Protein backbone atom coordinates (compact mmCIF):
# COMPACT_ATOMS: atom_id res chain seq x y z
CA UNK A 1 70.83 3.73 -51.57
CA UNK A 2 71.56 2.50 -55.09
CA UNK A 3 75.13 3.33 -56.04
CA UNK A 4 75.63 5.11 -59.35
CA UNK A 5 78.43 3.87 -61.62
CA UNK A 6 79.37 7.07 -63.43
CA UNK A 7 81.86 5.46 -65.79
CA UNK A 8 83.12 1.86 -65.85
CA UNK A 9 84.78 1.27 -62.49
CA UNK A 10 83.97 4.78 -61.17
CA UNK A 11 81.27 4.87 -58.52
CA UNK A 12 79.59 7.79 -56.76
CA UNK A 13 79.57 7.12 -52.99
CA UNK A 14 78.77 10.62 -51.71
CA UNK A 15 75.99 11.79 -49.41
CA UNK A 16 73.38 14.53 -49.12
CA UNK A 17 73.14 16.97 -46.21
CA UNK A 18 69.64 18.39 -45.76
CA UNK A 19 70.07 19.36 -42.10
CA UNK A 20 72.97 21.83 -42.00
CA UNK A 21 71.49 25.31 -42.31
CA UNK A 22 74.63 27.36 -43.02
CA UNK A 23 77.67 26.42 -45.07
CA UNK A 24 80.91 27.50 -43.35
CA UNK A 25 78.61 28.84 -40.60
CA UNK A 26 77.74 31.74 -42.94
CA UNK A 27 75.84 30.91 -46.12
CA UNK A 28 72.25 29.58 -46.06
CA UNK A 29 71.51 26.19 -47.61
CA UNK A 30 67.82 26.36 -48.56
CA UNK A 31 68.02 23.20 -50.67
CA UNK A 32 70.87 21.52 -48.80
CA UNK A 33 74.28 20.50 -50.10
CA UNK A 34 75.96 17.30 -51.24
CA UNK A 35 79.36 16.01 -50.20
CA UNK A 36 80.66 14.00 -53.15
CA UNK A 37 83.06 11.11 -52.87
CA UNK A 38 84.08 8.65 -55.58
CA UNK A 39 85.49 5.12 -55.75
CA UNK A 40 87.80 4.16 -58.61
CA UNK A 41 88.04 0.37 -58.76
CA UNK A 42 90.84 -1.32 -60.68
CA UNK A 43 93.22 -4.03 -59.51
CA UNK A 44 93.59 -1.64 -56.60
CA UNK A 45 90.93 0.67 -55.15
CA UNK A 46 91.17 4.43 -54.66
CA UNK A 47 88.69 6.64 -52.87
CA UNK A 48 88.64 10.25 -54.10
CA UNK A 49 87.88 12.57 -51.15
CA UNK A 50 85.62 11.80 -48.19
CA UNK A 51 82.58 13.52 -46.65
CA UNK A 52 81.74 15.60 -43.59
CA UNK A 53 82.33 13.37 -40.55
CA UNK A 54 78.75 13.33 -39.27
CA UNK A 55 77.83 11.53 -42.51
CA UNK A 56 80.80 9.17 -42.35
CA UNK A 57 78.75 6.07 -41.56
CA UNK A 58 76.70 6.62 -44.74
CA UNK A 59 79.90 6.96 -46.74
CA UNK A 60 81.18 3.66 -45.33
CA UNK A 61 77.88 1.93 -46.17
CA UNK A 62 78.10 3.21 -49.74
CA UNK A 63 81.69 2.01 -50.06
CA UNK A 64 80.76 -1.41 -48.73
CA UNK A 65 77.91 -1.66 -51.24
CA UNK A 66 80.47 -1.33 -54.04
CA UNK A 67 83.46 -3.35 -52.81
CA UNK A 68 82.10 -5.42 -49.92
CA UNK A 69 84.91 -6.56 -47.63
CA UNK A 70 87.61 -5.60 -50.10
CA UNK A 71 90.09 -3.03 -48.78
CA UNK A 72 90.67 0.50 -50.02
CA UNK A 73 94.29 0.88 -51.08
CA UNK A 74 94.47 4.65 -51.55
CA UNK A 75 92.65 7.78 -50.41
CA UNK A 76 93.27 10.70 -52.77
CA UNK A 77 92.73 14.05 -51.03
CA UNK A 78 92.08 16.81 -53.55
CA UNK A 79 90.98 19.36 -50.95
CA UNK A 80 91.44 19.54 -47.19
CA UNK A 81 88.45 21.65 -46.14
CA UNK A 82 86.77 19.62 -43.36
CA UNK A 83 83.50 19.13 -45.24
CA UNK A 84 85.59 16.85 -47.49
CA UNK A 85 88.31 15.60 -45.18
CA UNK A 86 86.86 15.18 -41.68
CA UNK A 87 86.12 11.46 -42.21
CA UNK A 88 89.79 10.71 -42.85
CA UNK A 89 90.61 9.63 -39.30
CA UNK A 90 87.61 7.26 -39.13
CA UNK A 91 88.45 5.92 -42.58
CA UNK A 92 92.01 5.13 -41.51
CA UNK A 93 90.68 3.24 -38.48
CA UNK A 94 88.44 1.17 -40.75
CA UNK A 95 91.17 0.63 -43.37
CA UNK A 96 94.46 0.73 -41.39
CA UNK A 97 96.62 -0.07 -44.43
CA UNK A 98 95.10 2.78 -46.41
CA UNK A 99 97.72 5.01 -48.03
CA UNK A 100 96.77 8.70 -48.11
CA UNK A 101 97.73 10.51 -51.33
CA UNK A 102 98.24 14.27 -51.41
CA UNK A 103 100.69 17.02 -52.18
CA UNK A 104 103.08 18.44 -49.58
CA UNK A 105 100.66 21.10 -48.34
CA UNK A 106 97.86 18.53 -48.09
CA UNK A 107 99.94 16.12 -46.02
CA UNK A 108 100.99 18.91 -43.66
CA UNK A 109 97.32 19.82 -43.13
CA UNK A 110 96.36 16.18 -42.52
CA UNK A 111 98.93 16.10 -39.74
CA UNK A 112 97.65 19.38 -38.34
CA UNK A 113 93.96 18.50 -38.48
CA UNK A 114 93.96 14.75 -37.75
CA UNK A 115 97.38 13.88 -36.31
CA UNK A 116 98.17 11.51 -39.19
CA UNK A 117 101.74 11.60 -40.47
CA UNK A 118 102.39 7.99 -41.52
CA UNK A 119 101.11 5.88 -44.38
CA UNK A 120 101.11 8.75 -46.83
CA UNK A 121 102.25 9.27 -50.41
CA UNK A 122 103.33 12.72 -51.54
CA UNK A 123 102.61 13.63 -55.15
CA UNK A 124 103.76 16.55 -57.26
CA UNK A 125 102.48 18.17 -60.45
CA UNK A 126 102.05 15.54 -63.15
CA UNK A 127 102.73 12.53 -60.93
CA UNK A 128 100.67 9.40 -61.57
CA UNK A 129 99.15 6.54 -59.59
CA UNK A 130 98.54 3.23 -61.39
CA UNK A 131 95.60 1.26 -60.00
CA UNK A 132 95.97 -1.46 -62.63
CA UNK A 133 93.38 -2.59 -65.17
CA UNK A 134 94.10 0.53 -67.22
CA UNK A 135 93.21 2.95 -64.47
CA UNK A 136 95.96 5.54 -64.26
CA UNK A 137 95.38 8.67 -62.17
CA UNK A 138 97.34 11.87 -62.82
CA UNK A 139 97.55 14.79 -60.40
CA UNK A 140 97.52 18.49 -61.26
CA UNK A 141 97.97 21.20 -58.64
CA UNK A 142 95.55 24.15 -58.71
CA UNK A 143 96.59 26.19 -55.65
CA UNK A 144 94.17 28.78 -54.21
CA UNK A 145 91.08 27.29 -55.83
CA UNK A 146 90.29 28.04 -53.14
CA UNK A 147 92.84 26.73 -50.58
CA UNK A 148 96.62 26.52 -51.17
CA UNK A 149 96.71 22.70 -51.26
CA UNK A 150 93.97 22.08 -53.82
CA UNK A 151 94.56 19.76 -56.73
CA UNK A 152 92.57 17.81 -59.30
CA UNK A 153 92.83 14.16 -60.26
CA UNK A 154 92.67 13.20 -63.93
CA UNK A 155 91.68 9.78 -65.27
CA UNK A 156 92.51 10.03 -68.95
CA UNK A 157 91.17 6.64 -70.10
CA UNK A 158 87.60 7.74 -69.37
CA UNK A 159 88.08 11.51 -69.68
CA UNK A 160 87.12 12.04 -66.03
CA UNK A 161 88.38 14.91 -63.89
CA UNK A 162 87.84 14.83 -60.13
CA UNK A 163 87.83 18.58 -59.67
CA UNK A 164 87.51 19.20 -55.93
CA UNK A 165 85.49 22.33 -55.18
CA UNK A 166 85.95 23.64 -58.72
CA UNK A 167 82.69 23.45 -60.71
CA UNK A 168 80.79 22.75 -57.51
CA UNK A 169 77.45 24.13 -56.40
CA UNK A 170 75.19 24.37 -53.39
CA UNK A 171 72.14 22.12 -53.46
CA UNK A 172 71.54 18.52 -52.45
CA UNK A 173 71.02 15.94 -55.17
CA UNK A 174 67.35 15.03 -55.40
CA UNK A 175 67.59 11.44 -56.58
CA UNK A 176 69.82 11.84 -59.61
CA UNK A 177 73.61 12.12 -59.54
CA UNK A 178 74.57 13.16 -63.08
CA UNK A 179 73.26 16.20 -64.94
CA UNK A 180 71.22 13.91 -67.19
CA UNK A 181 69.29 12.69 -64.14
CA UNK A 182 68.44 15.97 -62.39
CA UNK A 183 66.66 19.22 -63.16
CA UNK A 184 69.79 21.19 -63.98
CA UNK A 185 68.22 24.66 -64.20
CA UNK A 186 67.70 24.87 -60.44
CA UNK A 187 71.47 24.57 -59.89
CA UNK A 188 72.72 27.50 -61.99
CA UNK A 189 71.87 30.20 -59.44
CA UNK A 190 73.17 27.95 -56.65
CA UNK A 191 76.44 27.59 -58.59
CA UNK A 192 76.69 31.36 -58.95
CA UNK A 193 75.96 31.81 -55.24
CA UNK A 194 78.50 29.12 -54.33
CA UNK A 195 81.16 30.71 -56.51
CA UNK A 196 80.51 34.26 -55.29
CA UNK A 197 80.60 33.31 -51.61
CA UNK A 198 83.25 30.60 -51.51
CA UNK A 199 85.59 31.03 -54.47
CA UNK A 200 84.92 34.64 -55.47
CA UNK A 201 88.18 36.18 -54.24
CA UNK A 202 90.32 33.80 -56.29
CA UNK A 203 89.53 34.71 -59.89
CA UNK A 204 93.16 34.72 -61.05
CA UNK A 205 93.94 31.23 -59.63
CA UNK A 206 90.72 29.90 -61.17
CA UNK A 207 91.80 31.28 -64.54
CA UNK A 208 95.17 29.56 -64.17
CA UNK A 209 93.44 26.31 -63.27
CA UNK A 210 91.14 26.56 -66.31
CA UNK A 211 94.17 27.08 -68.53
CA UNK A 212 95.94 24.10 -66.95
CA UNK A 213 93.07 21.67 -67.56
CA UNK A 214 91.90 23.33 -70.77
CA UNK A 215 93.85 20.93 -72.96
CA UNK A 216 92.31 17.81 -71.41
CA UNK A 217 89.53 15.99 -73.27
CA UNK A 218 87.07 16.10 -70.40
CA UNK A 219 83.95 13.95 -70.73
CA UNK A 220 82.93 13.95 -67.08
CA UNK A 221 83.49 16.45 -64.25
CA UNK A 222 83.21 14.98 -60.74
CA UNK A 223 83.15 17.90 -58.27
CA UNK A 224 82.89 17.66 -54.50
CA UNK A 225 79.50 19.45 -54.41
CA UNK A 226 76.51 19.21 -56.72
CA UNK A 227 75.78 17.16 -59.85
CA UNK A 228 78.32 15.18 -61.81
CA UNK A 229 78.61 17.02 -65.13
CA UNK A 230 78.53 15.11 -68.41
CA UNK A 231 76.04 16.72 -70.79
CA UNK A 232 76.40 20.38 -69.70
CA UNK A 233 80.18 20.60 -69.32
CA UNK A 234 80.49 23.52 -71.74
CA UNK A 235 77.99 25.61 -69.79
CA UNK A 236 79.62 24.82 -66.45
CA UNK A 237 83.12 25.71 -67.64
CA UNK A 238 81.82 28.86 -69.34
CA UNK A 239 80.08 30.01 -66.16
CA UNK A 240 83.24 29.51 -64.07
CA UNK A 241 85.32 31.21 -66.75
CA UNK A 242 83.01 34.23 -66.87
CA UNK A 243 82.74 34.58 -63.09
CA UNK A 244 86.49 34.17 -62.54
CA UNK A 245 87.06 36.97 -65.07
CA UNK A 246 84.49 39.02 -63.08
CA UNK A 247 82.57 39.54 -66.30
CA UNK A 248 79.03 40.68 -65.54
CA UNK A 249 76.10 40.22 -67.88
CA UNK A 250 73.81 43.21 -68.56
CA UNK A 251 71.72 44.05 -65.53
CA UNK A 252 71.57 46.22 -62.42
CA UNK A 253 71.61 45.40 -58.71
CA UNK A 254 70.22 48.08 -56.40
CA UNK A 255 71.23 47.33 -52.81
CA UNK A 256 70.22 49.71 -50.06
CA UNK A 257 69.71 50.15 -46.34
CA UNK A 258 66.87 52.16 -44.85
CA UNK A 259 65.76 52.82 -41.28
CA UNK A 260 62.48 54.68 -41.82
CA UNK A 261 61.79 54.29 -45.52
CA UNK A 262 63.26 57.50 -46.91
CA UNK A 263 66.37 55.94 -48.46
CA UNK A 264 64.15 53.10 -49.62
CA UNK A 265 62.02 55.55 -51.60
CA UNK A 266 65.16 56.79 -53.33
CA UNK A 267 65.98 53.19 -54.30
CA UNK A 268 62.45 52.64 -55.60
CA UNK A 269 62.56 55.81 -57.70
CA UNK A 270 65.92 54.78 -59.20
CA UNK A 271 64.62 51.31 -60.01
CA UNK A 272 61.48 52.68 -61.62
CA UNK A 273 63.46 55.10 -63.76
CA UNK A 274 65.84 52.35 -64.89
CA UNK A 275 62.85 50.36 -66.06
CA UNK A 276 61.48 53.42 -67.85
CA UNK A 277 64.84 53.68 -69.63
CA UNK A 278 64.51 50.11 -70.92
CA UNK A 279 66.60 48.20 -68.38
CA UNK A 280 64.90 44.86 -67.79
CA UNK A 281 67.26 42.91 -65.56
CA UNK A 282 66.91 44.80 -62.26
CA UNK A 283 67.33 43.27 -58.80
CA UNK A 284 66.44 45.42 -55.76
CA UNK A 285 67.56 44.31 -52.28
CA UNK A 286 66.78 45.75 -48.85
CA UNK A 287 70.01 44.78 -47.08
CA UNK A 288 68.34 44.58 -43.67
CA UNK A 289 66.43 41.53 -44.92
CA UNK A 290 68.14 40.18 -48.02
CA UNK A 291 70.31 37.07 -47.86
CA UNK A 292 73.89 38.42 -48.32
CA UNK A 293 74.84 35.38 -50.40
CA UNK A 294 72.05 36.14 -52.87
CA UNK A 295 73.12 39.78 -53.13
CA UNK A 296 76.75 38.74 -53.71
CA UNK A 297 75.59 36.22 -56.29
CA UNK A 298 73.90 38.97 -58.29
CA UNK A 299 76.77 41.44 -57.84
CA UNK A 300 78.93 38.81 -59.56
CA UNK A 301 76.26 38.08 -62.15
CA UNK A 302 75.38 41.62 -63.31
CA UNK A 303 77.60 44.41 -64.57
CA UNK A 304 76.00 47.35 -62.72
CA UNK A 305 75.71 48.04 -58.99
CA UNK A 306 73.88 50.92 -57.30
CA UNK A 307 74.21 51.22 -53.52
CA UNK A 308 72.28 53.44 -51.13
CA UNK A 309 72.70 54.09 -47.43
CA UNK A 310 71.52 56.41 -44.69
CA UNK A 311 74.08 57.86 -42.32
CA UNK A 312 74.11 55.83 -39.11
CA UNK A 313 76.15 56.95 -36.10
CA UNK A 314 78.34 58.97 -38.42
CA UNK A 315 79.04 55.94 -40.63
CA UNK A 316 77.40 53.76 -43.24
CA UNK A 317 74.31 51.81 -42.26
CA UNK A 318 75.86 48.52 -40.97
CA UNK A 319 74.34 46.09 -43.53
CA UNK A 320 75.52 48.39 -46.33
CA UNK A 321 79.02 48.53 -44.90
CA UNK A 322 79.04 44.72 -44.61
CA UNK A 323 78.12 44.35 -48.27
CA UNK A 324 80.83 46.74 -49.41
CA UNK A 325 83.41 44.98 -47.24
CA UNK A 326 82.42 41.63 -48.74
CA UNK A 327 82.70 43.03 -52.24
CA UNK A 328 86.09 44.53 -51.43
CA UNK A 329 87.30 41.22 -49.97
CA UNK A 330 86.43 39.46 -53.23
CA UNK A 331 88.68 41.74 -55.29
CA UNK A 332 86.09 42.47 -57.98
CA UNK A 333 88.11 44.72 -60.30
CA UNK A 334 85.25 46.81 -61.70
CA UNK A 335 81.51 47.28 -61.83
CA UNK A 336 79.50 50.06 -63.39
CA UNK A 337 78.79 51.84 -60.09
CA UNK A 338 76.61 54.59 -58.67
CA UNK A 339 75.63 55.48 -55.13
CA UNK A 340 73.23 57.57 -53.08
CA UNK A 341 72.70 58.40 -49.43
CA UNK A 342 70.71 60.31 -46.86
CA UNK A 343 71.19 62.00 -43.51
CA UNK A 344 69.32 64.09 -40.98
CA UNK A 345 71.86 66.51 -39.48
CA UNK A 346 75.36 65.43 -40.57
CA UNK A 347 76.04 63.39 -43.67
CA UNK A 348 78.63 60.60 -43.78
CA UNK A 349 77.22 57.76 -45.90
CA UNK A 350 78.02 59.31 -49.28
CA UNK A 351 81.52 60.18 -48.14
CA UNK A 352 82.13 56.62 -46.94
CA UNK A 353 80.94 55.18 -50.24
CA UNK A 354 83.29 57.52 -52.09
CA UNK A 355 86.11 56.14 -49.94
CA UNK A 356 85.02 52.64 -50.97
CA UNK A 357 85.31 53.55 -54.67
CA UNK A 358 88.80 54.88 -54.04
CA UNK A 359 89.90 51.73 -52.23
CA UNK A 360 88.65 49.38 -54.93
CA UNK A 361 89.57 51.78 -57.76
CA UNK A 362 86.09 51.86 -59.25
CA UNK A 363 85.09 54.87 -61.34
CA UNK A 364 81.48 55.92 -60.57
CA UNK A 365 79.18 56.48 -63.52
CA UNK A 366 77.95 59.84 -62.21
CA UNK A 367 78.05 62.06 -59.12
CA UNK A 368 76.25 60.62 -56.09
CA UNK A 369 72.88 61.80 -54.80
CA UNK A 370 72.69 62.90 -51.17
CA UNK A 371 69.36 63.65 -49.51
CA UNK A 372 68.83 65.64 -46.32
CA UNK A 373 66.00 64.41 -44.13
CA UNK A 374 62.73 63.18 -45.65
CA UNK A 375 62.02 62.01 -49.18
CA UNK A 376 59.86 64.26 -51.37
CA UNK A 377 59.02 64.74 -55.02
CA UNK A 378 61.82 67.30 -55.22
CA UNK A 379 64.31 64.72 -53.92
CA UNK A 380 63.08 62.31 -56.54
CA UNK A 381 64.44 64.39 -59.40
CA UNK A 382 68.16 63.83 -58.56
CA UNK A 383 67.37 60.10 -58.25
CA UNK A 384 65.84 60.19 -61.70
CA UNK A 385 68.95 61.88 -63.06
CA UNK A 386 71.21 59.29 -61.43
CA UNK A 387 69.18 56.45 -62.95
CA UNK A 388 69.16 58.15 -66.32
CA UNK A 389 72.96 58.41 -66.27
CA UNK A 390 73.32 54.78 -65.27
CA UNK A 391 70.89 53.63 -67.96
CA UNK A 392 72.73 55.67 -70.57
CA UNK A 393 75.99 53.97 -69.58
CA UNK A 394 74.33 50.54 -69.64
CA UNK A 395 72.85 51.23 -73.06
CA UNK A 396 76.21 52.39 -74.40
CA UNK A 397 75.10 55.99 -74.90
CA UNK A 398 78.03 57.57 -73.06
């Protein structure tokens, strides 16, 4: 491949993964994912992060294309998750004099994962590494974005921040590397999905990290996944800022489970009534079939959530329960919320969703709707009233 020089002396040497189907064994990758690695070449050479080990040979080929037989002096490890660190052992074998740079938590993890405890350099907040030829790297710790050891590397002379998983996105890079070379619009929803699934729980640490790097004059963001950002930096930072504050834009997600179509008809009636009330951004998901990462993406994106479930074995329908558990685990402080349920002989779904609202301290917009047995026109009226109340709240009429 042709190596991209992002800034003078800074080369992209990452790889694309179009074969792995699930990130972390959980989240689908319909358009793949990239593992980004960068070479900074001065009088000495530093590699910033590695790639997933099954792509290690491609990484080494890319490195060789830039520096030939020259050695790598330093490996800077911003994040220890194995999709970025699992080539470390092979890299050390290839470059035995390589010094591994990381903070105390990073170096402990390198020992635990790869049995390496020699040839390391511990750095603390604000420490620097001088590569010569004007290339000075500075390290800033951003713990819990989204592991405790994470940090970013700042190269002030060129305004480049190597940001680890921050500002990353699902999606392989189709030819281009920087945002000026790719169709950027296809990555926004993948960035939202990536944030919601991977980083979503850690809004407060992300806010602290944004404040820490907010004073830097950033001209290039080099994340470990997705495009290198140069022209759209403001949009990227704004999206991460909004999502880490759990600020939803106007719109409603209706997520439901249904065994025989009755609860589904309630969801359809609610959606139709919302549209009649002027709500245009509506996303309806049957949780038995919907990709959970897409549903979570839109729960983060929009400010209103309506959930419906039949009673199943005296509990919530399992896909509905899974969604609520995932939302709870991500510590979303508030959404405009309403819920509805159904049962045949003994209701439990509505009660369980009420317990969910109490656990997460959400205040429902209106009383829930509970339907006994089959859907009918008469049952549609309470659904209409629920939707009307939600729409009124969304339109600021309450």
